[in-house]
Amino acid sequence: MSDELNLDVMDLEELKAQARVLDISLKGNPGEDTLRTKIKTELGLVGGNDTQAASESVPKQEAGQKRVTISIPESETDTQPVQIYVNGRSYIIRRGEEVDVPESVIEVLNNAKQMVYNPETMKAREVLSYPFQIIK
């Protein structure tokens, strides 16, 4: 028996239960289709022209780019997938998993920085917003 969930056959209560497991906020009274879309987006399963999981096939415009395997670690405060946008494409990178991405995604990750302040001296330093490790 498969461990995969078939969201397309779940009823509203089952979808709400899965949304709670994934810590998806349920504002208002969402319908089945809305919940399916939110869950698929959270899991990185949304396909189509604008969004794809990072480990899916290479888009035509990136066919010439070198692919790199990376991992973005989970932390106690941040376990949500990281969404990266490059030239109109969206990549959803699950934390703690090794994924193949084009070099352009590495460039975006290297440029995503935030300021962190030392509370004692109030000196600021710049750190990566999404620290990552290059595997291959």
N, C-alpha and C. Protein backbone atom coordinates (compact mmCIF):
# COMPACT_ATOMS: atom_id res chain seq x y z
N MET A 1 0.83 -1.17 0.00
CA MET A 1 0.00 0.00 0.00
C MET A 1 0.88 1.25 0.00
N SER A 2 0.50 2.29 -0.74
CA SER A 2 1.29 3.49 -0.88
C SER A 2 1.10 4.43 0.31
N ASP A 3 2.17 5.15 0.68
CA ASP A 3 2.08 6.14 1.75
C ASP A 3 1.66 7.51 1.23
N GLU A 4 1.49 7.65 -0.07
CA GLU A 4 1.13 8.93 -0.65
C GLU A 4 -0.33 9.25 -0.40
N LEU A 5 -0.61 10.55 -0.24
CA LEU A 5 -1.97 11.01 -0.06
C LEU A 5 -2.57 11.33 -1.41
N ASN A 6 -3.82 10.95 -1.61
CA ASN A 6 -4.53 11.33 -2.82
C ASN A 6 -5.50 12.44 -2.44
N LEU A 7 -5.05 13.68 -2.57
CA LEU A 7 -5.85 14.83 -2.16
C LEU A 7 -7.12 14.97 -2.98
N ASP A 8 -7.11 14.46 -4.19
CA ASP A 8 -8.25 14.64 -5.08
C ASP A 8 -9.49 13.85 -4.64
N VAL A 9 -9.32 12.83 -3.81
CA VAL A 9 -10.46 12.05 -3.36
C VAL A 9 -10.85 12.33 -1.91
N MET A 10 -10.11 13.21 -1.23
CA MET A 10 -10.42 13.53 0.16
C MET A 10 -11.63 14.45 0.24
N ASP A 11 -12.44 14.25 1.30
CA ASP A 11 -13.57 15.15 1.52
C ASP A 11 -13.08 16.35 2.34
N LEU A 12 -13.97 17.28 2.61
CA LEU A 12 -13.62 18.54 3.26
C LEU A 12 -13.00 18.32 4.64
N GLU A 13 -13.55 17.42 5.44
CA GLU A 13 -13.01 17.17 6.78
C GLU A 13 -11.61 16.57 6.74
N GLU A 14 -11.37 15.66 5.79
CA GLU A 14 -10.03 15.07 5.65
C GLU A 14 -9.02 16.12 5.21
N LEU A 15 -9.45 17.01 4.31
CA LEU A 15 -8.57 18.08 3.85
C LEU A 15 -8.25 19.04 5.00
N LYS A 16 -9.23 19.35 5.82
CA LYS A 16 -8.99 20.23 6.97
C LYS A 16 -8.01 19.58 7.94
N ALA A 17 -8.14 18.28 8.14
CA ALA A 17 -7.22 17.56 9.03
C ALA A 17 -5.80 17.62 8.49
N GLN A 18 -5.63 17.43 7.18
CA GLN A 18 -4.29 17.50 6.58
C GLN A 18 -3.73 18.92 6.68
N ALA A 19 -4.59 19.92 6.51
CA ALA A 19 -4.15 21.31 6.63
C ALA A 19 -3.66 21.60 8.04
N ARG A 20 -4.34 21.06 9.04
CA ARG A 20 -3.89 21.26 10.43
C ARG A 20 -2.54 20.58 10.67
N VAL A 21 -2.36 19.39 10.11
CA VAL A 21 -1.09 18.68 10.25
C VAL A 21 0.05 19.50 9.65
N LEU A 22 -0.22 20.16 8.52
CA LEU A 22 0.81 20.95 7.82
C LEU A 22 0.90 22.38 8.36
N ASP A 23 0.09 22.69 9.38
CA ASP A 23 0.09 24.02 10.00
C ASP A 23 -0.30 25.11 9.00
N ILE A 24 -1.31 24.81 8.17
CA ILE A 24 -1.84 25.77 7.22
C ILE A 24 -2.99 26.49 7.89
N SER A 25 -2.95 27.83 7.88
CA SER A 25 -4.02 28.58 8.53
C SER A 25 -5.30 28.46 7.71
N LEU A 26 -6.40 28.26 8.41
CA LEU A 26 -7.70 28.10 7.77
C LEU A 26 -8.56 29.30 8.14
N LYS A 27 -8.46 30.36 7.36
CA LYS A 27 -9.25 31.56 7.61
C LYS A 27 -10.59 31.43 6.89
N GLY A 28 -11.63 31.83 7.57
CA GLY A 28 -12.95 31.76 6.97
C GLY A 28 -13.42 30.32 6.87
N ASN A 29 -14.14 30.04 5.81
CA ASN A 29 -14.69 28.70 5.58
C ASN A 29 -14.24 28.23 4.19
N PRO A 30 -12.98 27.79 4.06
CA PRO A 30 -12.47 27.42 2.74
C PRO A 30 -13.16 26.16 2.20
N GLY A 31 -13.33 26.13 0.90
CA GLY A 31 -13.92 24.98 0.24
C GLY A 31 -12.87 23.92 -0.04
N GLU A 32 -13.33 22.80 -0.58
CA GLU A 32 -12.43 21.69 -0.88
C GLU A 32 -11.34 22.08 -1.87
N ASP A 33 -11.72 22.77 -2.94
CA ASP A 33 -10.73 23.15 -3.97
C ASP A 33 -9.67 24.08 -3.40
N THR A 34 -10.10 25.04 -2.57
CA THR A 34 -9.15 25.97 -1.96
C THR A 34 -8.17 25.22 -1.06
N LEU A 35 -8.69 24.30 -0.25
CA LEU A 35 -7.82 23.52 0.64
C LEU A 35 -6.86 22.64 -0.15
N ARG A 36 -7.35 22.00 -1.21
CA ARG A 36 -6.46 21.16 -2.03
C ARG A 36 -5.31 22.00 -2.59
N THR A 37 -5.63 23.18 -3.09
CA THR A 37 -4.60 24.06 -3.66
C THR A 37 -3.60 24.47 -2.59
N LYS A 38 -4.09 24.86 -1.40
CA LYS A 38 -3.18 25.28 -0.33
C LYS A 38 -2.27 24.13 0.10
N ILE A 39 -2.83 22.93 0.23
CA ILE A 39 -2.04 21.77 0.65
C ILE A 39 -1.02 21.41 -0.41
N LYS A 40 -1.43 21.41 -1.68
CA LYS A 40 -0.50 21.09 -2.76
C LYS A 40 0.62 22.12 -2.83
N THR A 41 0.27 23.39 -2.62
CA THR A 41 1.30 24.44 -2.63
C THR A 41 2.28 24.23 -1.48
N GLU A 42 1.76 23.92 -0.30
CA GLU A 42 2.61 23.69 0.87
C GLU A 42 3.56 22.51 0.65
N LEU A 43 3.06 21.49 -0.03
CA LEU A 43 3.88 20.30 -0.27
C LEU A 43 4.75 20.42 -1.52
N GLY A 44 4.62 21.53 -2.25
CA GLY A 44 5.43 21.71 -3.45
C GLY A 44 4.94 20.87 -4.61
N LEU A 45 3.65 20.57 -4.63
CA LEU A 45 3.10 19.71 -5.69
C LEU A 45 2.37 20.49 -6.76
N VAL A 46 2.33 21.82 -6.64
CA VAL A 46 1.61 22.62 -7.63
C VAL A 46 2.42 22.66 -8.90
N GLY A 47 1.80 22.31 -10.02
CA GLY A 47 2.46 22.35 -11.32
C GLY A 47 2.02 23.57 -12.09
N GLY A 48 1.98 23.46 -13.39
CA GLY A 48 1.51 24.56 -14.21
C GLY A 48 2.64 25.36 -14.79
N ASN A 49 2.29 26.50 -15.36
CA ASN A 49 3.25 27.32 -16.07
C ASN A 49 4.14 28.13 -15.14
N ASP A 50 3.60 28.56 -13.98
CA ASP A 50 4.36 29.48 -13.14
C ASP A 50 5.03 28.85 -11.94
N THR A 51 4.61 27.67 -11.52
CA THR A 51 5.13 27.09 -10.29
C THR A 51 5.53 25.66 -10.53
N GLN A 52 6.67 25.25 -9.95
CA GLN A 52 7.09 23.86 -10.03
C GLN A 52 7.96 23.55 -8.83
N ALA A 53 7.95 22.31 -8.43
CA ALA A 53 8.85 21.90 -7.35
C ALA A 53 10.27 21.92 -7.90
N ALA A 54 11.23 22.22 -7.05
CA ALA A 54 12.60 22.38 -7.51
C ALA A 54 13.18 21.10 -8.10
N SER A 55 12.66 19.95 -7.71
CA SER A 55 13.24 18.71 -8.19
C SER A 55 12.58 18.19 -9.47
N GLU A 56 11.65 18.96 -10.05
CA GLU A 56 10.99 18.51 -11.27
C GLU A 56 11.87 18.75 -12.49
N SER A 57 11.34 18.47 -13.66
CA SER A 57 12.12 18.55 -14.89
C SER A 57 12.62 19.97 -15.17
N VAL A 58 13.65 20.07 -15.98
CA VAL A 58 14.29 21.34 -16.29
C VAL A 58 13.42 22.11 -17.28
N PRO A 59 13.04 23.36 -16.97
CA PRO A 59 12.29 24.16 -17.92
C PRO A 59 13.14 24.50 -19.14
N LYS A 60 12.48 24.81 -20.25
CA LYS A 60 13.21 25.09 -21.50
C LYS A 60 14.20 26.23 -21.35
N GLN A 61 13.81 27.34 -20.70
CA GLN A 61 14.69 28.50 -20.63
C GLN A 61 15.91 28.24 -19.76
N GLU A 62 15.91 27.20 -18.93
CA GLU A 62 17.04 26.91 -18.07
C GLU A 62 17.80 25.67 -18.51
N ALA A 63 17.49 25.16 -19.68
CA ALA A 63 18.11 23.93 -20.14
C ALA A 63 19.63 24.08 -20.27
N GLY A 64 20.12 25.28 -20.57
CA GLY A 64 21.55 25.49 -20.73
C GLY A 64 22.28 25.74 -19.43
N GLN A 65 21.55 25.95 -18.34
CA GLN A 65 22.19 26.23 -17.07
C GLN A 65 22.65 24.96 -16.38
N LYS A 66 23.76 25.10 -15.69
CA LYS A 66 24.27 23.99 -14.88
C LYS A 66 23.34 23.79 -13.68
N ARG A 67 23.10 22.54 -13.31
CA ARG A 67 22.26 22.22 -12.16
C ARG A 67 23.15 21.92 -10.96
N VAL A 68 22.69 22.31 -9.78
CA VAL A 68 23.45 22.14 -8.55
C VAL A 68 22.52 21.50 -7.52
N THR A 69 23.03 20.55 -6.74
CA THR A 69 22.25 19.94 -5.67
C THR A 69 22.52 20.70 -4.38
N ILE A 70 21.44 21.20 -3.76
CA ILE A 70 21.58 21.96 -2.52
C ILE A 70 20.64 21.41 -1.45
N SER A 71 20.86 21.87 -0.24
CA SER A 71 19.97 21.56 0.88
C SER A 71 19.87 22.81 1.75
N ILE A 72 18.64 23.16 2.11
CA ILE A 72 18.40 24.26 3.04
C ILE A 72 17.93 23.62 4.34
N PRO A 73 18.70 23.75 5.42
CA PRO A 73 18.35 23.04 6.65
C PRO A 73 17.11 23.61 7.34
N GLU A 74 16.45 22.74 8.11
CA GLU A 74 15.35 23.19 8.97
C GLU A 74 15.95 23.79 10.23
N SER A 75 15.20 24.66 10.86
CA SER A 75 15.60 25.17 12.16
C SER A 75 14.40 25.09 13.09
N GLU A 76 14.61 25.34 14.35
CA GLU A 76 13.50 25.29 15.31
C GLU A 76 12.46 26.34 14.99
N THR A 77 12.89 27.47 14.45
CA THR A 77 11.96 28.57 14.20
C THR A 77 11.44 28.60 12.77
N ASP A 78 12.06 27.85 11.86
CA ASP A 78 11.63 27.92 10.47
C ASP A 78 11.69 26.54 9.81
N THR A 79 10.51 25.97 9.57
CA THR A 79 10.43 24.66 8.93
C THR A 79 9.68 24.73 7.61
N GLN A 80 9.19 25.91 7.25
CA GLN A 80 8.41 26.07 6.03
C GLN A 80 9.31 25.98 4.79
N PRO A 81 8.75 25.52 3.67
CA PRO A 81 9.53 25.49 2.43
C PRO A 81 9.94 26.91 2.02
N VAL A 82 11.02 27.00 1.28
CA VAL A 82 11.52 28.29 0.79
C VAL A 82 11.05 28.46 -0.65
N GLN A 83 10.44 29.61 -0.94
CA GLN A 83 10.01 29.89 -2.31
C GLN A 83 10.99 30.87 -2.94
N ILE A 84 11.50 30.48 -4.10
CA ILE A 84 12.46 31.31 -4.83
C ILE A 84 11.84 31.62 -6.20
N TYR A 85 11.96 32.87 -6.62
CA TYR A 85 11.43 33.28 -7.92
C TYR A 85 12.56 33.76 -8.81
N VAL A 86 12.66 33.17 -10.00
CA VAL A 86 13.69 33.54 -10.96
C VAL A 86 13.04 33.66 -12.34
N ASN A 87 13.10 34.85 -12.92
CA ASN A 87 12.58 35.08 -14.27
C ASN A 87 11.16 34.54 -14.47
N GLY A 88 10.28 34.84 -13.54
CA GLY A 88 8.89 34.43 -13.65
C GLY A 88 8.62 32.99 -13.25
N ARG A 89 9.61 32.28 -12.81
CA ARG A 89 9.45 30.88 -12.36
C ARG A 89 9.52 30.84 -10.85
N SER A 90 8.74 29.95 -10.27
CA SER A 90 8.74 29.77 -8.83
C SER A 90 9.30 28.39 -8.50
N TYR A 91 10.22 28.34 -7.55
CA TYR A 91 10.78 27.08 -7.08
C TYR A 91 10.45 26.95 -5.61
N ILE A 92 9.86 25.83 -5.23
CA ILE A 92 9.54 25.58 -3.83
C ILE A 92 10.54 24.54 -3.34
N ILE A 93 11.40 24.96 -2.42
CA ILE A 93 12.46 24.10 -1.92
C ILE A 93 12.11 23.67 -0.51
N ARG A 94 11.90 22.39 -0.33
CA ARG A 94 11.58 21.86 0.99
C ARG A 94 12.85 21.84 1.84
N ARG A 95 12.73 22.31 3.04
CA ARG A 95 13.87 22.33 3.96
C ARG A 95 14.25 20.91 4.36
N GLY A 96 15.55 20.68 4.49
CA GLY A 96 16.04 19.38 4.93
C GLY A 96 16.13 18.34 3.83
N GLU A 97 15.76 18.70 2.60
CA GLU A 97 15.84 17.75 1.49
C GLU A 97 16.86 18.23 0.47
N GLU A 98 17.50 17.29 -0.20
CA GLU A 98 18.43 17.63 -1.27
C GLU A 98 17.62 17.82 -2.55
N VAL A 99 17.83 18.95 -3.22
CA VAL A 99 17.12 19.24 -4.46
C VAL A 99 18.10 19.77 -5.51
N ASP A 100 17.81 19.46 -6.76
CA ASP A 100 18.60 19.99 -7.88
C ASP A 100 17.96 21.28 -8.34
N VAL A 101 18.75 22.34 -8.43
CA VAL A 101 18.25 23.64 -8.87
C VAL A 101 19.22 24.23 -9.89
N PRO A 102 18.75 25.11 -10.76
CA PRO A 102 19.66 25.79 -11.67
C PRO A 102 20.54 26.80 -10.91
N GLU A 103 21.67 27.15 -11.51
CA GLU A 103 22.59 28.09 -10.87
C GLU A 103 21.93 29.42 -10.57
N SER A 104 20.92 29.81 -11.33
CA SER A 104 20.24 31.09 -11.09
C SER A 104 19.57 31.11 -9.72
N VAL A 105 19.11 29.96 -9.25
CA VAL A 105 18.51 29.88 -7.91
C VAL A 105 19.58 30.10 -6.85
N ILE A 106 20.78 29.57 -7.07
CA ILE A 106 21.90 29.78 -6.14
C ILE A 106 22.21 31.27 -6.04
N GLU A 107 22.19 31.95 -7.17
CA GLU A 107 22.46 33.39 -7.17
C GLU A 107 21.42 34.14 -6.34
N VAL A 108 20.15 33.78 -6.49
CA VAL A 108 19.10 34.43 -5.71
C VAL A 108 19.30 34.16 -4.22
N LEU A 109 19.61 32.91 -3.85
CA LEU A 109 19.85 32.57 -2.45
C LEU A 109 21.04 33.34 -1.88
N ASN A 110 22.10 33.50 -2.68
CA ASN A 110 23.28 34.25 -2.22
C ASN A 110 22.98 35.73 -2.03
N ASN A 111 22.02 36.27 -2.79
CA ASN A 111 21.67 37.68 -2.70
C ASN A 111 20.56 37.97 -1.68
N ALA A 112 19.90 36.93 -1.17
CA ALA A 112 18.85 37.12 -0.17
C ALA A 112 19.51 37.25 1.19
N LYS A 113 19.60 38.47 1.68
CA LYS A 113 20.30 38.73 2.94
C LYS A 113 19.42 39.53 3.88
N GLN A 114 19.72 39.43 5.15
CA GLN A 114 19.01 40.21 6.17
C GLN A 114 20.01 40.72 7.19
N MET A 115 19.61 41.75 7.91
CA MET A 115 20.46 42.32 8.94
C MET A 115 20.11 41.70 10.28
N VAL A 116 21.13 41.29 11.03
CA VAL A 116 20.97 40.75 12.37
C VAL A 116 21.74 41.66 13.32
N TYR A 117 21.07 42.03 14.41
CA TYR A 117 21.69 42.95 15.35
C TYR A 117 22.11 42.24 16.63
N ASN A 118 23.30 42.58 17.12
CA ASN A 118 23.76 42.10 18.42
C ASN A 118 23.03 42.93 19.46
N PRO A 119 22.24 42.31 20.35
CA PRO A 119 21.44 43.09 21.30
C PRO A 119 22.27 43.88 22.31
N GLU A 120 23.49 43.46 22.57
CA GLU A 120 24.32 44.17 23.53
C GLU A 120 24.98 45.40 22.92
N THR A 121 25.54 45.26 21.73
CA THR A 121 26.27 46.36 21.11
C THR A 121 25.46 47.09 20.04
N MET A 122 24.35 46.50 19.63
CA MET A 122 23.49 47.02 18.56
C MET A 122 24.25 47.17 17.23
N LYS A 123 25.33 46.39 17.08
CA LYS A 123 26.03 46.37 15.81
C LYS A 123 25.31 45.40 14.89
N ALA A 124 25.19 45.83 13.65
CA ALA A 124 24.48 45.01 12.67
C ALA A 124 25.48 44.21 11.84
N ARG A 125 25.03 43.04 11.41
CA ARG A 125 25.83 42.27 10.46
C ARG A 125 24.86 41.63 9.48
N GLU A 126 25.34 41.45 8.29
CA GLU A 126 24.52 40.89 7.22
C GLU A 126 24.70 39.38 7.16
N VAL A 127 23.58 38.64 7.11
CA VAL A 127 23.62 37.18 7.03
C VAL A 127 22.68 36.73 5.93
N LEU A 128 22.89 35.51 5.44
CA LEU A 128 22.00 34.96 4.43
C LEU A 128 20.62 34.73 5.04
N SER A 129 19.58 35.09 4.32
CA SER A 129 18.21 34.84 4.78
C SER A 129 17.90 33.36 4.79
N TYR A 130 18.44 32.64 3.79
CA TYR A 130 18.21 31.21 3.66
C TYR A 130 19.55 30.50 3.51
N PRO A 131 20.25 30.27 4.63
CA PRO A 131 21.53 29.57 4.53
C PRO A 131 21.33 28.21 3.85
N PHE A 132 22.24 27.85 2.98
CA PHE A 132 22.12 26.59 2.25
C PHE A 132 23.48 25.94 2.14
N GLN A 133 23.44 24.67 1.78
CA GLN A 133 24.66 23.89 1.60
C GLN A 133 24.65 23.31 0.19
N ILE A 134 25.75 23.45 -0.53
CA ILE A 134 25.87 22.84 -1.84
C ILE A 134 26.36 21.41 -1.66
N ILE A 135 25.58 20.47 -2.16
CA ILE A 135 25.90 19.05 -2.02
C ILE A 135 26.77 18.59 -3.18
N LYS A 136 26.37 18.91 -4.41
CA LYS A 136 27.12 18.53 -5.62
C LYS A 136 27.19 19.69 -6.56
